[in-house]
Amino acid sequence: MPFFDDGLVVDGKDFRVYRCDWGWCVKHGDVAARSRFLIDAFEEAAGSIRVDAAVLLRLVAMLERSLTAEHRRTGRTASTAVAVPALGE
């Protein structure tokens, strides 16, 4: 069961976005795509729709809403460690 469910309209096309423990599911019409990463699931479901800066900002806002939903569900803040590779790696 998803703990986050939201809608997104891009270029006049409706998308449903779900977040579950296993990752993301993006549905557009009969097309559904799953991935651990929202952008990958969106790009697969979107097909020829280009992910420009405006779409990316809307997806980031959706991530923020998802993190807020996860915090409400668990009472904990989601976090991860990020390592930036040194130049030349």
Protein backbone atom coordinates (compact mmCIF):
# COMPACT_ATOMS: atom_id res chain seq x y z
CA MET A 1 0.00 0.00 0.00
CA PRO A 2 1.38 3.44 -0.87
CA PHE A 3 1.92 5.87 1.97
CA PHE A 4 2.04 8.75 -0.51
CA ASP A 5 -0.21 9.34 -3.53
CA ASP A 6 -0.22 12.51 -5.61
CA GLY A 7 -1.09 13.73 -9.07
CA LEU A 8 0.92 15.69 -11.58
CA VAL A 9 -0.11 17.26 -14.90
CA VAL A 10 2.69 17.76 -17.42
CA ASP A 11 2.05 19.02 -20.95
CA GLY A 12 -1.67 18.47 -20.36
CA LYS A 13 -1.14 14.80 -19.46
CA ASP A 14 -2.18 13.36 -16.10
CA PHE A 15 0.22 11.27 -14.03
CA ARG A 16 -0.41 9.48 -10.73
CA VAL A 17 2.59 9.09 -8.46
CA TYR A 18 2.75 6.59 -5.61
CA ARG A 19 5.46 6.07 -3.00
CA CYS A 20 5.76 2.75 -1.17
CA ASP A 21 8.45 1.08 0.89
CA TRP A 22 9.95 -0.49 -2.26
CA GLY A 23 10.14 2.74 -4.29
CA TRP A 24 8.09 4.81 -6.73
CA CYS A 25 5.33 3.99 -9.20
CA VAL A 26 4.27 6.49 -11.85
CA LYS A 27 1.15 5.81 -13.92
CA HIS A 28 0.04 7.56 -17.09
CA GLY A 29 -2.98 6.01 -18.79
CA ASP A 30 -2.23 2.32 -19.28
CA VAL A 31 1.51 2.83 -18.72
CA ALA A 32 2.97 2.17 -15.27
CA ALA A 33 6.63 2.39 -14.38
CA ARG A 34 8.38 1.42 -11.15
CA SER A 35 11.78 2.38 -9.83
CA ARG A 36 13.64 3.12 -6.64
CA PHE A 37 14.11 6.63 -8.12
CA LEU A 38 11.22 8.99 -8.88
CA ILE A 39 12.88 10.55 -11.94
CA ASP A 40 13.51 7.12 -13.53
CA ALA A 41 9.91 6.01 -13.00
CA PHE A 42 8.60 9.33 -14.32
CA GLU A 43 10.79 9.30 -17.44
CA GLU A 44 9.75 5.72 -18.26
CA ALA A 45 6.04 6.49 -17.82
CA ALA A 46 6.30 9.86 -19.60
CA GLY A 47 7.85 8.48 -22.76
CA SER A 48 8.55 11.42 -25.06
CA ILE A 49 7.87 14.18 -22.52
CA ARG A 50 11.10 16.04 -21.88
CA VAL A 51 12.04 16.61 -18.23
CA ASP A 52 12.90 20.30 -18.22
CA ALA A 53 13.64 22.59 -15.27
CA ALA A 54 9.95 23.26 -14.55
CA VAL A 55 9.09 19.54 -14.46
CA LEU A 56 12.13 18.82 -12.33
CA LEU A 57 11.10 21.48 -9.80
CA ARG A 58 7.62 19.94 -9.60
CA LEU A 59 9.14 16.50 -9.00
CA VAL A 60 11.38 17.91 -6.25
CA ALA A 61 8.31 19.49 -4.60
CA MET A 62 6.64 16.08 -4.80
CA LEU A 63 9.66 14.51 -3.09
CA GLU A 64 9.31 17.05 -0.30
CA ARG A 65 5.63 16.16 0.15
CA SER A 66 6.56 12.47 0.18
CA LEU A 67 9.19 13.01 2.88
CA THR A 68 6.65 14.91 4.95
CA ALA A 69 4.17 12.02 4.57
CA GLU A 70 6.87 9.53 5.60
CA HIS A 71 7.70 11.63 8.66
CA ARG A 72 4.04 11.72 9.67
CA ARG A 73 3.73 7.97 9.12
CA THR A 74 6.82 6.93 11.08
CA GLY A 75 7.53 9.87 13.36
CA ARG A 76 11.13 9.84 12.11
CA THR A 77 13.01 12.07 9.70
CA ALA A 78 14.24 10.34 6.55
CA SER A 79 17.96 10.71 6.00
CA THR A 80 20.84 9.29 4.03
CA ALA A 81 24.58 9.81 3.76
CA VAL A 82 25.86 11.36 0.54
CA ALA A 83 29.48 11.05 -0.55
CA VAL A 84 30.78 13.28 -3.32
CA PRO A 85 33.58 11.59 -5.29
CA ALA A 86 36.88 13.38 -5.55
CA LEU A 87 37.84 14.89 -8.89
CA GLY A 88 39.22 12.30 -11.28
CA GLU A 89 37.30 9.36 -9.81
